Protein backbone atom coordinates (compact mmCIF):
# COMPACT_ATOMS: atom_id res chain seq x y z
CA MET A 1 -129.78 35.93 31.85
CA ILE A 2 -127.58 35.26 28.86
CA ARG A 3 -129.25 32.79 26.54
CA LEU A 4 -127.30 31.28 23.72
CA PRO A 5 -129.37 30.66 20.58
CA ALA A 6 -130.68 27.12 20.74
CA LYS A 7 -130.05 26.94 17.02
CA THR A 8 -126.35 26.54 17.68
CA LEU A 9 -126.99 23.35 19.65
CA VAL A 10 -128.47 21.44 16.77
CA ILE A 11 -125.49 22.07 14.48
CA ALA A 12 -123.36 19.32 15.99
CA GLY A 13 -126.16 16.77 15.74
CA LEU A 14 -126.97 17.70 12.16
CA ALA A 15 -123.29 17.73 11.23
CA ALA A 16 -122.82 14.20 12.54
CA TRP A 17 -125.89 13.07 10.59
CA ALA A 18 -124.66 14.81 7.44
CA ILE A 19 -121.16 13.34 7.68
CA GLY A 20 -122.57 9.85 8.00
CA LEU A 21 -124.77 10.44 4.98
CA ALA A 22 -122.04 12.12 2.95
CA SER A 23 -119.81 9.09 3.36
CA CYS A 24 -122.31 7.23 1.19
CA VAL A 25 -123.19 10.02 -1.23
CA MET A 26 -119.79 10.84 -2.67
CA SER A 27 -120.28 10.63 -6.42
CA GLY A 28 -118.50 7.81 -8.18
CA ARG A 29 -117.31 6.12 -5.02
CA ALA A 30 -117.92 2.39 -4.58
CA ILE A 31 -119.00 1.91 -1.00
CA MET A 32 -120.24 -1.64 -0.49
CA MET A 33 -121.20 -4.93 -2.07
CA PRO A 34 -124.91 -5.67 -2.44
CA PRO A 35 -126.20 -8.17 0.13
CA ALA A 36 -126.24 -11.78 -1.00
CA ILE A 37 -129.18 -14.20 -1.06
CA ALA A 38 -128.32 -17.85 -1.62
CA GLY A 39 -129.52 -19.06 -5.01
CA ALA A 40 -130.80 -15.66 -6.14
CA THR A 41 -129.63 -13.54 -9.05
CA ILE A 42 -130.02 -9.90 -10.10
CA VAL A 43 -133.16 -9.13 -12.11
CA GLY A 44 -133.02 -5.33 -12.29
CA SER A 45 -135.19 -2.58 -10.84
CA GLU A 46 -137.56 -2.76 -13.79
CA SER A 47 -138.79 -6.10 -12.48
CA CYS A 48 -139.34 -4.58 -9.03
CA ALA A 49 -141.32 -1.68 -10.49
CA LYS A 50 -143.95 -4.05 -11.88
CA CYS A 51 -145.29 -4.66 -8.36
CA HIS A 52 -143.73 -1.81 -6.39
CA ALA A 53 -144.35 1.21 -8.65
CA ASN A 54 -145.60 3.19 -5.66
CA VAL A 55 -142.07 2.93 -4.23
CA THR A 56 -139.90 3.13 -7.33
CA ARG A 57 -141.62 6.08 -9.03
CA GLY A 58 -140.22 8.56 -6.51
CA PHE A 59 -136.75 7.11 -6.13
CA HIS A 60 -135.12 9.29 -8.80
CA ASP A 61 -134.98 12.29 -6.41
CA ALA A 62 -134.17 10.30 -3.26
CA THR A 63 -130.96 10.91 -1.36
CA HIS A 64 -130.03 7.27 -1.87
CA ALA A 65 -130.45 7.57 -5.64
CA HIS A 66 -127.10 9.38 -5.73
CA LEU A 67 -125.16 6.48 -4.25
CA LYS A 68 -122.74 4.23 -6.08
CA MET A 69 -122.41 0.52 -5.34
CA THR A 70 -119.86 -2.10 -6.25
CA GLY A 71 -121.20 -4.33 -9.00
CA GLU A 72 -120.54 -8.01 -9.52
CA ASP A 73 -117.73 -7.03 -11.90
CA GLY A 74 -116.09 -4.97 -9.14
CA LYS A 75 -116.88 -1.65 -10.84
CA PRO A 76 -119.01 1.18 -9.42
CA ARG A 77 -122.59 1.38 -10.63
CA SER A 78 -125.69 3.30 -9.67
CA VAL A 79 -127.76 1.84 -6.88
CA SER A 80 -130.84 -0.20 -7.60
CA CYS A 81 -133.49 -1.88 -5.49
CA GLU A 82 -131.29 -4.94 -5.20
CA SER A 83 -128.37 -2.92 -3.87
CA CYS A 84 -130.12 -2.89 -0.51
CA HIS A 85 -132.71 -5.65 -0.79
CA GLY A 86 -130.44 -8.26 -2.39
CA PRO A 87 -130.85 -10.13 -5.69
CA ALA A 88 -134.55 -10.56 -6.33
CA SER A 89 -134.95 -13.51 -8.70
CA LEU A 90 -136.36 -15.79 -5.99
CA HIS A 91 -138.58 -13.00 -4.72
CA VAL A 92 -139.99 -12.35 -8.17
CA LYS A 93 -140.61 -16.05 -8.67
CA ALA A 94 -142.20 -16.75 -5.28
CA GLY A 95 -143.64 -13.32 -4.45
CA THR A 96 -142.96 -13.69 -0.73
CA ARG A 97 -141.02 -11.51 1.70
CA ALA A 98 -139.05 -14.52 2.88
CA THR A 99 -136.99 -14.43 -0.32
CA ILE A 100 -135.88 -10.79 -0.07
CA ILE A 101 -134.03 -8.68 2.48
CA ASN A 102 -136.24 -6.25 4.37
CA PRO A 103 -134.01 -3.45 5.76
CA LYS A 104 -136.94 -2.26 7.86
CA MET A 105 -136.17 -5.00 10.35
CA ALA A 106 -132.67 -5.94 9.12
CA PRO A 107 -130.52 -2.92 10.04
CA ASP A 108 -127.28 -4.54 8.86
CA THR A 109 -128.18 -3.47 5.33
CA CYS A 110 -128.22 0.20 6.33
CA LEU A 111 -125.29 -0.10 8.73
CA GLN A 112 -122.96 -1.29 6.00
CA CYS A 113 -122.81 2.36 4.95
CA HIS A 114 -123.77 4.09 8.18
CA VAL A 115 -121.07 2.41 10.25
CA ASN A 116 -120.92 5.26 12.77
CA ASN A 117 -124.55 4.59 13.70
CA ARG A 118 -123.81 0.96 14.50
CA ALA A 119 -121.54 2.14 17.31
CA GLU A 120 -124.17 4.60 18.54
CA PHE A 121 -126.80 1.86 18.68
CA LYS A 122 -124.55 -0.02 21.10
CA LEU A 123 -124.44 2.83 23.62
CA PRO A 124 -126.29 2.47 26.96
CA SER A 125 -129.30 4.58 25.91
CA THR A 126 -130.54 4.04 22.38
CA HIS A 127 -133.45 3.18 20.15
CA PRO A 128 -133.72 -0.65 20.02
CA VAL A 129 -132.73 -0.98 16.36
CA LEU A 130 -130.14 -3.72 16.85
CA ALA A 131 -132.68 -5.62 18.94
CA GLY A 132 -135.03 -5.67 15.94
CA LYS A 133 -137.85 -3.81 17.71
CA ILE A 134 -137.78 -0.88 15.28
CA GLY A 135 -136.02 -0.32 11.98
CA CYS A 136 -134.18 2.55 10.34
CA THR A 137 -137.14 3.16 8.03
CA HIS A 138 -139.39 3.94 10.97
CA CYS A 139 -137.63 7.32 11.01
CA HIS A 140 -135.96 7.58 7.60
CA ASP A 141 -137.43 7.23 4.12
CA PRO A 142 -134.79 5.79 1.75
CA HIS A 143 -137.07 5.73 -1.29
CA LYS A 144 -138.17 9.32 -1.79
CA GLY A 145 -136.66 12.76 -1.32
CA ASP A 146 -134.54 13.51 1.69
CA THR A 147 -134.10 10.64 4.14
CA LEU A 148 -135.76 12.76 6.82
CA PRO A 149 -139.51 13.25 6.20
CA GLY A 150 -140.18 16.86 5.28
CA GLY A 151 -136.80 17.42 3.66
CA ALA A 152 -134.15 19.98 4.41
CA ARG A 153 -136.44 22.96 3.86
CA ASP A 154 -137.79 22.63 7.38
CA LEU A 155 -135.42 20.18 9.00
CA ALA A 156 -136.36 20.89 12.62
CA ALA A 157 -140.08 20.49 11.93
CA SER A 158 -139.50 17.29 9.99
CA MET A 159 -137.42 15.80 12.79
CA ASN A 160 -139.99 16.72 15.39
CA ALA A 161 -142.77 15.22 13.28
CA THR A 162 -140.75 12.02 12.93
CA CYS A 163 -140.20 11.76 16.68
CA ALA A 164 -143.83 12.63 17.39
CA LYS A 165 -145.02 9.48 15.63
CA CYS A 166 -143.88 7.55 18.69
CA HIS A 167 -143.71 10.38 21.24
CA PRO A 168 -146.90 12.43 20.69
CA ALA A 169 -147.15 13.64 24.29
CA GLN A 170 -143.83 15.47 23.96
CA ALA A 171 -144.77 17.15 20.68
CA GLY A 172 -147.48 19.47 21.92
CA PRO A 173 -148.76 21.92 20.89
CA PHE A 174 -148.38 23.71 24.21
CA VAL A 175 -149.63 27.08 25.46
CA PHE A 176 -146.14 27.72 26.83
CA GLU A 177 -143.60 26.08 24.58
CA HIS A 178 -139.99 25.31 25.31
CA GLU A 179 -138.35 27.39 22.58
CA VAL A 180 -135.67 24.79 21.93
CA MET A 181 -138.36 22.58 20.39
CA ARG A 182 -138.28 24.93 17.41
CA GLU A 183 -134.76 23.69 16.73
CA GLY A 184 -135.68 20.04 16.77
CA CYS A 185 -135.51 17.22 19.27
CA VAL A 186 -131.85 16.62 18.42
CA ALA A 187 -130.95 19.87 20.17
CA CYS A 188 -131.16 17.86 23.40
CA HIS A 189 -131.26 14.21 22.27
CA SER A 190 -128.92 12.01 20.25
CA PRO A 191 -131.48 9.89 18.39
CA HIS A 192 -129.14 7.03 17.52
CA GLY A 193 -127.71 6.60 20.99
CA SER A 194 -126.00 8.24 23.95
CA VAL A 195 -124.08 7.39 27.10
CA ASN A 196 -126.66 9.46 28.97
CA ASP A 197 -130.14 8.48 30.10
CA LYS A 198 -133.00 9.15 27.63
CA MET A 199 -130.44 9.64 24.86
CA LEU A 200 -129.63 13.11 26.16
CA LYS A 201 -126.60 14.85 24.70
CA SER A 202 -125.30 15.98 28.11
CA ARG A 203 -125.86 15.00 31.71
CA GLY A 204 -127.95 16.88 34.27
CA THR A 205 -127.81 20.64 34.44
CA SER A 206 -125.01 20.86 31.87
CA LEU A 207 -127.60 20.12 29.19
CA CYS A 208 -129.74 23.10 30.17
CA TYR A 209 -126.73 25.35 30.67
CA GLN A 210 -125.94 25.09 26.99
CA CYS A 211 -128.71 27.67 26.54
CA HIS A 212 -129.52 28.93 30.03
CA PHE A 213 -126.06 30.08 31.03
CA GLN A 214 -125.71 33.11 33.26
CA ASN A 215 -122.52 34.71 34.51
CA GLN A 216 -122.33 34.32 38.28
CA GLN A 217 -121.27 37.09 40.63
CA SER A 218 -120.90 34.89 43.69
CA GLY A 219 -119.03 31.68 44.40
CA VAL A 220 -121.78 30.55 46.78
CA GLN A 221 -125.04 31.17 44.97
CA ILE A 222 -126.11 30.00 41.53
CA MET A 223 -128.46 32.68 40.30
CA HIS A 224 -130.97 32.37 37.48
CA GLY A 225 -133.61 35.00 36.88
CA GLY A 226 -132.88 36.62 40.25
CA VAL A 227 -133.46 33.34 42.14
CA ASP A 228 -130.81 31.29 43.92
CA HIS A 229 -130.80 27.82 42.32
CA SER A 230 -127.80 26.39 44.14
CA GLN A 231 -129.72 23.86 46.26
CA ASN A 232 -131.83 22.79 43.30
CA VAL A 233 -128.76 22.17 41.17
CA ILE A 234 -127.16 20.14 43.97
CA ARG A 235 -130.27 17.98 44.45
CA GLY A 236 -130.70 16.98 40.83
CA THR A 237 -131.40 18.16 37.32
CA CYS A 238 -133.40 21.19 36.29
CA TRP A 239 -136.40 19.00 35.50
CA THR A 240 -136.46 17.16 38.83
CA ALA A 241 -136.92 18.22 42.46
CA GLY A 242 -140.34 19.70 41.64
CA CYS A 243 -138.94 22.33 39.31
CA HIS A 244 -139.12 22.52 35.50
CA GLU A 245 -140.81 19.17 35.06
CA ALA A 246 -142.71 20.07 31.88
CA ILE A 247 -139.46 20.22 29.94
CA HIS A 248 -141.07 19.91 26.50
CA GLY A 249 -143.78 22.49 27.16
CA SER A 250 -146.63 23.35 29.49
CA ASN A 251 -150.26 24.38 29.14
CA VAL A 252 -150.46 26.09 32.54
CA ASN A 253 -147.07 27.48 33.54
CA SER A 254 -144.73 29.77 31.59
CA SER A 255 -141.72 28.53 33.57
CA LEU A 256 -142.50 24.93 32.57
CA ARG A 257 -142.96 24.00 36.23
CA TYR A 258 -145.78 21.52 35.57
């Protein structure tokens, strides 16, 4: 069997993520107007830090700290708390969440920059961000370090840990692991949305064949590991028809059969 390195599969997903992020990170580029709140004015991040020091103290090395926003005078300026949360004068005065924008459940704030993700969230299979059931910050941390928990030093592990917060059963650990899990969940899934069921990057057997491709010597049989899989492929996907059902990993079967 010829097995392509699963590492190559994650490149496209990471590239798409990086391009979307880079569109906001270009130094000196004005990218958006801060959100407006009727009757509120800018007070500055120093005012926010008085109550939210646990958030602001780590922002200096955050990915979003490198962004540039369009100020009220139309000129680019460095981002501040109010660039995403809106002018905070009413919030400071009242001290209630009702007077400030909470991007955690208001994705429009994030999607002003990440416009490509807005389209992905409208695909048939997606995380329910636009429906308000989860927010961007459930998976991304805009206030500290890299936007993916764990940073770029171990990107696959950080992505898997992020997904495992909601999908612990798929995270393992397993006695017999599916090696592609080392490359991150995005090797098989498009986390912002897909035209395929379960946010898969490809349909049916074509997803598995990205790694498990084997040159065929016959036009009748579909051989894998010395076994004819032609009827299995016709009946369904690799993980149906009683075959490799434990697609994320198994504790009892090295072929991920159950």
